[in-house]
Amino acid sequence: MKQFDARSYSIADFMEWNANNLLDLSPKFQRRSVWTRAAKSFLIDTILRGKPMPKVLLTQDLIGKKNLRTVVDGQQRIRTILEFTQGAFTVLGTHNPAAAGKFFSELDEEMQGTILQYEVGVDLLYNVSLADMLDIFARINTYSVTLNTQEKLNAKYLGVFKTNAYELGFAYVDYMLEGRVLSEKEVSRMWEARLASDLLVSIVGGVQTIKNIEKYYKEYEVYETVPDNILYSIDLYNRTMKFIGAIYPALDLRQTNWSRPHWFYTLFTCVAHAQGPLIGLEGAPMPEINERVVQHWRLQLDEISALYDGYTEENEEDVPARFARFINYAQRRTTDTDARRERAKFVLEALML
């Protein structure tokens, strides 16, 4: 027998219940509030942008002539919303520049209205005993997939670097999918965020191992506004992707080795370095990069991809020592710092011929 109804309530409804002591945010079986300032700010930004949030689970009991609603799941979200409307914190500039540094009472009427009218999806339980509630809460926390590394980072950080890396991932996900750099399954597990973070690290801190992503998430977690070096890096990232798209439209990219993630990383860092330079590629050539040389880049990159296929498929053929070194770094330890730097240097030198 069904024990719940799907409903929606506005934030104004939750505020009214709370003001009249008709909202219980601290059931014995719920986790206590542990959200950081950044997590709270991100939730308010979600509301201001009209994006959906996960459903909240409530139970409703008639106490005298009034309904008391208890939050079974979603306590931290509701508590955060109420705290913001009560002036407990402000939104960070990294999440929403228009609302940055303003308490709820200081927002303009349109923003306040957006928040008050925002509807929270709710599953409302009824005729449920404490034992049933405990069972339901346990089930909610049972049906979850083990998080991968990127999903854990997503849950842990909400700062400048992570937020902007994710936006870059969203911006180019269609190209990555169409070009077969990533698969739909990989995107469903946040690999576009992982790749974008990795590429942004190469601009901000230099060409290095993928294992250092968390270092940059952590370093930029404390910033309340986007620093100049990140703004520069975002601009360079976008210029780099624009030039890559000119060299290889997505349907062309998928026909080459450059669609492989570690090859794409090399392509990206070479294009960025030609406009940069990048840390870790000191002394490497900086080939000309503009609309006039797009075809030259395409011919040279196609040549590298074709030679790689020829040399790795025809084992009898002697491979030039320089290319053999590139093959080695393209097949082994592909995300290590040394391999990434050596691949990029090889390609940059080839582009100068």
Protein backbone atom coordinates (compact mmCIF):
# COMPACT_ATOMS: atom_id res chain seq x y z
CA MET A 1 0.00 0.00 0.00
CA LYS A 2 1.34 3.40 -0.99
CA GLN A 3 2.48 5.45 2.00
CA PHE A 4 3.27 8.81 0.40
CA ASP A 5 2.01 11.57 -1.90
CA ALA A 6 4.17 13.63 -4.25
CA ARG A 7 3.66 17.34 -3.65
CA SER A 8 5.50 20.64 -3.85
CA TYR A 9 5.66 23.52 -1.39
CA SER A 10 7.15 26.98 -1.77
CA ILE A 11 9.97 28.23 0.40
CA ALA A 12 7.47 30.72 1.80
CA ASP A 13 5.45 27.73 3.08
CA PHE A 14 8.47 26.33 4.90
CA MET A 15 9.17 29.76 6.40
CA GLU A 16 5.59 30.03 7.67
CA TRP A 17 5.66 26.54 9.22
CA ASN A 18 8.95 27.28 10.90
CA ALA A 19 7.76 30.64 12.26
CA ASN A 20 4.72 28.92 13.80
CA ASN A 21 6.75 26.03 15.28
CA LEU A 22 5.11 23.57 12.91
CA LEU A 23 8.33 22.28 11.31
CA ASP A 24 10.61 19.75 13.00
CA LEU A 25 14.12 19.92 11.56
CA SER A 26 15.79 17.67 14.11
CA PRO A 27 14.30 14.17 14.16
CA LYS A 28 16.37 11.73 16.18
CA PHE A 29 17.36 9.67 13.16
CA GLN A 30 18.54 12.59 10.99
CA ARG A 31 22.11 13.75 10.56
CA ARG A 32 23.03 17.06 12.16
CA SER A 33 23.79 20.07 9.99
CA VAL A 34 27.41 19.86 8.80
CA TRP A 35 27.35 21.96 5.64
CA THR A 36 30.13 24.45 4.94
CA ARG A 37 29.53 28.09 4.00
CA ALA A 38 30.36 27.26 0.38
CA ALA A 39 27.82 24.41 0.29
CA LYS A 40 25.13 26.70 1.67
CA SER A 41 25.98 29.42 -0.82
CA PHE A 42 25.82 26.95 -3.70
CA LEU A 43 22.34 25.81 -2.68
CA ILE A 44 21.02 29.39 -2.61
CA ASP A 45 22.58 29.98 -6.03
CA THR A 46 20.76 26.87 -7.26
CA ILE A 47 17.49 28.40 -6.10
CA LEU A 48 18.24 31.83 -7.57
CA ARG A 49 18.98 30.23 -10.94
CA GLY A 50 15.75 28.21 -10.83
CA LYS A 51 17.56 24.88 -10.95
CA PRO A 52 15.98 21.81 -9.32
CA MET A 53 17.20 20.25 -6.11
CA PRO A 54 16.58 16.71 -4.83
CA LYS A 55 13.22 16.02 -3.23
CA VAL A 56 12.62 16.48 0.46
CA LEU A 57 10.87 13.77 2.47
CA LEU A 58 8.35 14.94 5.09
CA THR A 59 5.93 13.30 7.45
CA GLN A 60 2.81 15.09 8.64
CA ASP A 61 1.01 14.59 11.96
CA LEU A 62 -2.06 16.34 13.30
CA ILE A 63 -1.22 17.95 16.63
CA GLY A 64 -4.38 19.46 18.08
CA LYS A 65 -5.82 21.33 15.13
CA LYS A 66 -2.56 21.97 13.31
CA ASN A 67 -0.26 19.86 11.16
CA LEU A 68 3.29 19.29 12.34
CA ARG A 69 5.70 18.45 9.53
CA THR A 70 8.89 16.53 10.27
CA VAL A 71 11.79 16.46 7.80
CA VAL A 72 12.78 12.84 7.27
CA ASP A 73 15.31 13.56 4.52
CA GLY A 74 16.55 16.96 3.35
CA GLN A 75 17.07 18.61 6.73
CA GLN A 76 20.32 20.30 5.73
CA ARG A 77 18.77 21.81 2.61
CA ILE A 78 15.74 23.19 4.46
CA ARG A 79 17.84 24.42 7.38
CA THR A 80 20.17 26.23 4.97
CA ILE A 81 17.26 27.92 3.18
CA LEU A 82 15.74 29.11 6.44
CA GLU A 83 19.10 30.34 7.72
CA PHE A 84 19.58 32.40 4.57
CA THR A 85 16.14 33.99 4.76
CA GLN A 86 16.88 34.86 8.40
CA GLY A 87 20.11 36.65 7.48
CA ALA A 88 22.60 34.08 8.77
CA PHE A 89 24.95 34.21 5.75
CA THR A 90 25.44 35.67 2.27
CA VAL A 91 26.06 34.11 -1.13
CA LEU A 92 29.65 33.89 -2.38
CA GLY A 93 30.67 35.83 -5.45
CA THR A 94 32.10 32.66 -6.97
CA HIS A 95 28.59 31.24 -7.15
CA ASN A 96 26.41 34.26 -7.90
CA PRO A 97 28.07 37.67 -8.48
CA ALA A 98 24.72 39.49 -8.59
CA ALA A 99 23.80 38.35 -5.07
CA ALA A 100 27.32 38.27 -3.64
CA GLY A 101 27.78 39.69 -0.14
CA LYS A 102 24.08 40.47 0.28
CA PHE A 103 21.84 39.17 3.03
CA PHE A 104 18.35 38.06 2.02
CA SER A 105 16.87 41.35 3.23
CA GLU A 106 19.31 43.24 0.99
CA LEU A 107 18.37 41.44 -2.22
CA ASP A 108 16.10 43.27 -4.63
CA GLU A 109 12.41 42.37 -4.73
CA GLU A 110 12.79 40.20 -7.81
CA MET A 111 15.48 38.04 -6.22
CA GLN A 112 13.56 37.77 -2.96
CA GLY A 113 10.46 36.76 -4.91
CA THR A 114 12.42 34.13 -6.81
CA ILE A 115 13.46 32.57 -3.52
CA LEU A 116 10.09 32.81 -1.77
CA GLN A 117 8.22 31.33 -4.74
CA TYR A 118 10.74 28.56 -5.44
CA GLU A 119 8.94 25.22 -5.12
CA VAL A 120 10.57 22.34 -3.30
CA GLY A 121 9.58 18.88 -4.45
CA VAL A 122 8.27 16.83 -1.52
CA ASP A 123 7.26 13.25 -0.88
CA LEU A 124 4.79 13.53 2.01
CA LEU A 125 4.48 10.46 4.23
CA TYR A 126 1.29 9.73 6.12
CA ASN A 127 0.18 7.17 8.71
CA VAL A 128 3.80 6.24 9.27
CA SER A 129 5.14 4.96 12.59
CA LEU A 130 8.62 5.79 13.89
CA ALA A 131 9.74 2.29 12.95
CA ASP A 132 8.50 2.84 9.39
CA MET A 133 10.26 6.21 9.19
CA LEU A 134 13.53 4.65 10.31
CA ASP A 135 13.08 1.94 7.69
CA ILE A 136 12.37 4.51 4.95
CA PHE A 137 15.38 6.61 5.93
CA ALA A 138 17.58 3.52 5.89
CA ARG A 139 16.31 2.60 2.43
CA ILE A 140 17.02 6.10 1.10
CA ASN A 141 20.61 5.75 2.19
CA THR A 142 20.92 2.21 0.81
CA TYR A 143 20.23 2.84 -2.87
CA SER A 144 23.42 4.68 -3.73
CA VAL A 145 26.29 3.89 -6.07
CA THR A 146 29.81 3.95 -4.67
CA LEU A 147 31.25 7.34 -5.58
CA ASN A 148 34.23 7.57 -7.90
CA THR A 149 37.09 10.00 -7.25
CA GLN A 150 35.53 12.92 -9.12
CA GLU A 151 32.14 12.45 -7.48
CA LYS A 152 33.82 12.54 -4.06
CA LEU A 153 35.61 15.77 -4.99
CA ASN A 154 32.29 17.20 -6.17
CA ALA A 155 30.75 16.51 -2.79
CA LYS A 156 33.72 17.94 -0.90
CA TYR A 157 34.53 21.20 -2.71
CA LEU A 158 32.50 24.18 -3.93
CA GLY A 159 35.18 26.84 -4.42
CA VAL A 160 36.38 29.02 -7.28
CA PHE A 161 38.44 26.43 -9.11
CA LYS A 162 35.96 23.59 -8.90
CA THR A 163 32.95 25.73 -9.81
CA ASN A 164 34.58 27.24 -12.90
CA ALA A 165 36.06 23.92 -14.02
CA TYR A 166 32.59 22.39 -13.90
CA GLU A 167 31.12 25.25 -15.93
CA LEU A 168 33.80 24.69 -18.57
CA GLY A 169 32.98 20.99 -18.55
CA PHE A 170 29.31 21.75 -19.14
CA ALA A 171 30.14 24.25 -21.89
CA TYR A 172 32.04 21.72 -24.01
CA VAL A 173 30.38 18.44 -23.10
CA ASP A 174 28.54 18.22 -26.44
CA TYR A 175 31.83 18.55 -28.35
CA MET A 176 33.46 15.92 -26.12
CA LEU A 177 30.59 13.51 -26.69
CA GLU A 178 30.30 14.10 -30.43
CA GLY A 179 34.05 13.88 -30.83
CA ARG A 180 34.09 10.68 -28.73
CA VAL A 181 36.58 12.04 -26.25
CA LEU A 182 34.04 10.93 -23.63
CA SER A 183 31.15 8.50 -23.69
CA GLU A 184 27.66 9.10 -22.33
CA LYS A 185 28.35 6.58 -19.57
CA GLU A 186 31.47 8.47 -18.55
CA VAL A 187 29.61 11.77 -18.53
CA SER A 188 26.97 10.21 -16.27
CA ARG A 189 29.79 9.70 -13.74
CA MET A 190 31.14 13.27 -14.04
CA TRP A 191 34.10 12.58 -16.33
CA GLU A 192 33.47 15.85 -18.19
CA ALA A 193 34.13 17.65 -14.89
CA ARG A 194 37.23 15.55 -14.33
CA LEU A 195 38.59 16.32 -17.80
CA ALA A 196 37.79 20.04 -17.58
CA SER A 197 39.45 20.23 -14.15
CA ASP A 198 42.52 18.45 -15.48
CA LEU A 199 42.78 20.81 -18.45
CA LEU A 200 42.27 23.90 -16.31
CA VAL A 201 45.03 22.72 -13.96
CA SER A 202 47.40 22.62 -16.93
CA ILE A 203 46.83 26.35 -17.51
CA VAL A 204 46.74 27.48 -13.89
CA GLY A 205 49.59 25.35 -12.54
CA GLY A 206 51.25 23.75 -15.54
CA VAL A 207 51.31 20.38 -17.28
CA GLN A 208 51.26 17.77 -14.52
CA THR A 209 49.71 14.54 -13.28
CA ILE A 210 45.95 14.19 -13.08
CA LYS A 211 46.40 13.25 -9.43
CA ASN A 212 46.88 16.93 -8.53
CA ILE A 213 43.31 18.06 -9.26
CA GLU A 214 42.29 18.05 -5.60
CA LYS A 215 45.29 20.24 -4.73
CA TYR A 216 43.84 23.06 -6.85
CA TYR A 217 40.29 22.51 -5.61
CA LYS A 218 41.60 22.90 -2.07
CA GLU A 219 43.91 25.86 -2.78
CA TYR A 220 41.11 27.96 -4.31
CA GLU A 221 38.37 26.92 -1.89
CA VAL A 222 38.93 29.97 0.34
CA TYR A 223 38.39 32.65 -2.36
CA GLU A 224 35.08 34.51 -2.26
CA THR A 225 35.58 36.07 -5.70
CA VAL A 226 37.34 34.78 -8.81
CA PRO A 227 41.02 35.87 -8.78
CA ASP A 228 42.63 37.35 -11.89
CA ASN A 229 44.74 34.28 -12.69
CA ILE A 230 41.64 32.10 -12.83
CA LEU A 231 39.83 34.64 -15.03
CA TYR A 232 42.86 34.62 -17.37
CA SER A 233 42.94 30.81 -17.34
CA ILE A 234 39.23 30.56 -18.19
CA ASP A 235 39.75 32.92 -21.12
CA LEU A 236 42.74 30.93 -22.37
CA TYR A 237 40.76 27.69 -21.95
CA ASN A 238 37.96 29.06 -24.14
CA ARG A 239 40.39 30.37 -26.77
CA THR A 240 42.12 26.99 -26.80
CA MET A 241 38.87 25.09 -27.30
CA LYS A 242 37.85 27.48 -30.09
CA PHE A 243 41.08 26.80 -31.97
CA ILE A 244 40.82 23.04 -31.42
CA GLY A 245 37.28 23.18 -32.82
CA ALA A 246 38.61 25.00 -35.88
CA ILE A 247 41.28 22.33 -36.43
CA TYR A 248 39.01 19.41 -35.73
CA PRO A 249 35.24 19.74 -35.89
CA ALA A 250 33.87 17.04 -33.58
CA LEU A 251 33.01 14.58 -36.36
CA ASP A 252 36.56 14.87 -37.70
CA LEU A 253 38.17 14.58 -34.29
CA ARG A 254 36.51 11.24 -33.65
CA GLN A 255 38.30 9.77 -36.67
CA THR A 256 41.75 10.41 -35.17
CA ASN A 257 43.83 9.39 -32.19
CA TRP A 258 43.36 12.91 -30.83
CA SER A 259 39.95 11.87 -29.56
CA ARG A 260 41.61 9.59 -27.01
CA PRO A 261 41.50 11.40 -23.65
CA HIS A 262 45.26 11.43 -23.08
CA TRP A 263 45.90 12.50 -26.68
CA PHE A 264 43.28 15.23 -26.34
CA TYR A 265 45.08 16.45 -23.21
CA THR A 266 48.25 16.73 -25.30
CA LEU A 267 46.42 18.57 -28.07
CA PHE A 268 44.88 20.99 -25.58
CA THR A 269 48.15 21.74 -23.79
CA CYS A 270 49.97 22.30 -27.09
CA VAL A 271 47.34 24.79 -28.29
CA ALA A 272 47.29 26.52 -24.91
CA HIS A 273 51.11 26.65 -24.75
CA ALA A 274 51.28 28.24 -28.19
CA GLN A 275 49.24 31.11 -26.70
CA GLY A 276 50.67 30.80 -23.13
CA PRO A 277 53.31 29.54 -22.42
CA LEU A 278 52.55 26.78 -19.91
CA ILE A 279 54.57 25.83 -16.85
CA GLY A 280 56.35 22.53 -17.42
CA LEU A 281 56.90 23.19 -21.11
CA GLU A 282 59.69 25.71 -20.65
CA GLY A 283 61.96 25.76 -23.69
CA ALA A 284 59.42 24.00 -25.88
CA PRO A 285 58.63 25.73 -29.20
CA MET A 286 55.63 28.04 -29.41
CA PRO A 287 54.32 27.55 -32.95
CA GLU A 288 52.33 30.29 -34.63
CA ILE A 289 48.63 30.06 -33.85
CA ASN A 290 45.95 31.99 -35.72
CA GLU A 291 43.30 31.47 -38.37
CA ARG A 292 45.92 31.37 -41.16
CA VAL A 293 47.71 28.32 -39.74
CA VAL A 294 44.73 26.12 -38.91
CA GLN A 295 45.36 23.95 -41.96
CA HIS A 296 49.05 23.57 -41.08
CA TRP A 297 48.15 22.39 -37.59
CA ARG A 298 45.60 19.96 -39.04
CA LEU A 299 48.09 18.47 -41.51
CA GLN A 300 50.81 18.03 -38.90
CA LEU A 301 48.45 16.55 -36.30
CA ASP A 302 46.95 14.18 -38.89
CA GLU A 303 50.48 13.11 -39.82
CA ILE A 304 51.37 12.32 -36.19
CA SER A 305 48.17 10.30 -35.75
CA ALA A 306 48.71 8.37 -39.00
CA LEU A 307 52.39 7.66 -38.26
CA TYR A 308 51.48 6.42 -34.80
CA ASP A 309 48.99 3.95 -36.30
CA GLY A 310 51.50 2.83 -38.92
CA TYR A 311 54.38 2.33 -36.52
CA THR A 312 52.30 0.54 -33.89
CA GLU A 313 50.54 -1.73 -36.38
CA GLU A 314 53.58 -2.63 -38.52
CA ASN A 315 56.04 -4.00 -35.99
CA GLU A 316 58.61 -4.86 -38.68
CA GLU A 317 59.16 -1.23 -39.63
CA ASP A 318 61.99 0.67 -37.96
CA VAL A 319 60.64 3.47 -35.84
CA PRO A 320 62.67 6.71 -35.59
CA ALA A 321 64.03 7.09 -32.07
CA ARG A 322 62.22 10.37 -31.44
CA PHE A 323 58.87 8.92 -32.49
CA ALA A 324 59.54 5.72 -30.53
CA ARG A 325 59.89 7.87 -27.44
CA PHE A 326 56.55 9.54 -28.21
CA ILE A 327 54.90 6.13 -28.69
CA ASN A 328 56.25 4.97 -25.35
CA TYR A 329 54.76 7.98 -23.55
CA ALA A 330 51.51 7.61 -25.47
CA GLN A 331 51.08 4.00 -24.33
CA ARG A 332 52.45 3.96 -20.78
CA ARG A 333 51.83 6.11 -17.68
CA THR A 334 49.67 8.30 -19.89
CA THR A 335 48.54 10.69 -17.13
CA ASP A 336 51.89 11.05 -15.35
CA THR A 337 53.68 14.40 -15.38
CA ASP A 338 56.72 13.25 -17.39
CA ALA A 339 54.67 11.46 -20.03
CA ARG A 340 52.40 14.45 -20.51
CA ARG A 341 55.26 16.91 -20.85
CA GLU A 342 57.23 14.73 -23.25
CA ARG A 343 54.23 14.15 -25.51
CA ALA A 344 53.50 17.87 -25.65
CA LYS A 345 57.12 18.77 -26.43
CA PHE A 346 57.23 16.24 -29.26
CA VAL A 347 54.06 17.60 -30.84
CA LEU A 348 55.14 21.22 -30.46
CA GLU A 349 58.43 20.46 -32.19
CA ALA A 350 56.60 18.65 -35.02
CA LEU A 351 54.37 21.67 -35.52
CA MET A 352 57.45 23.83 -36.13
CA LEU A 353 58.57 21.79 -39.16
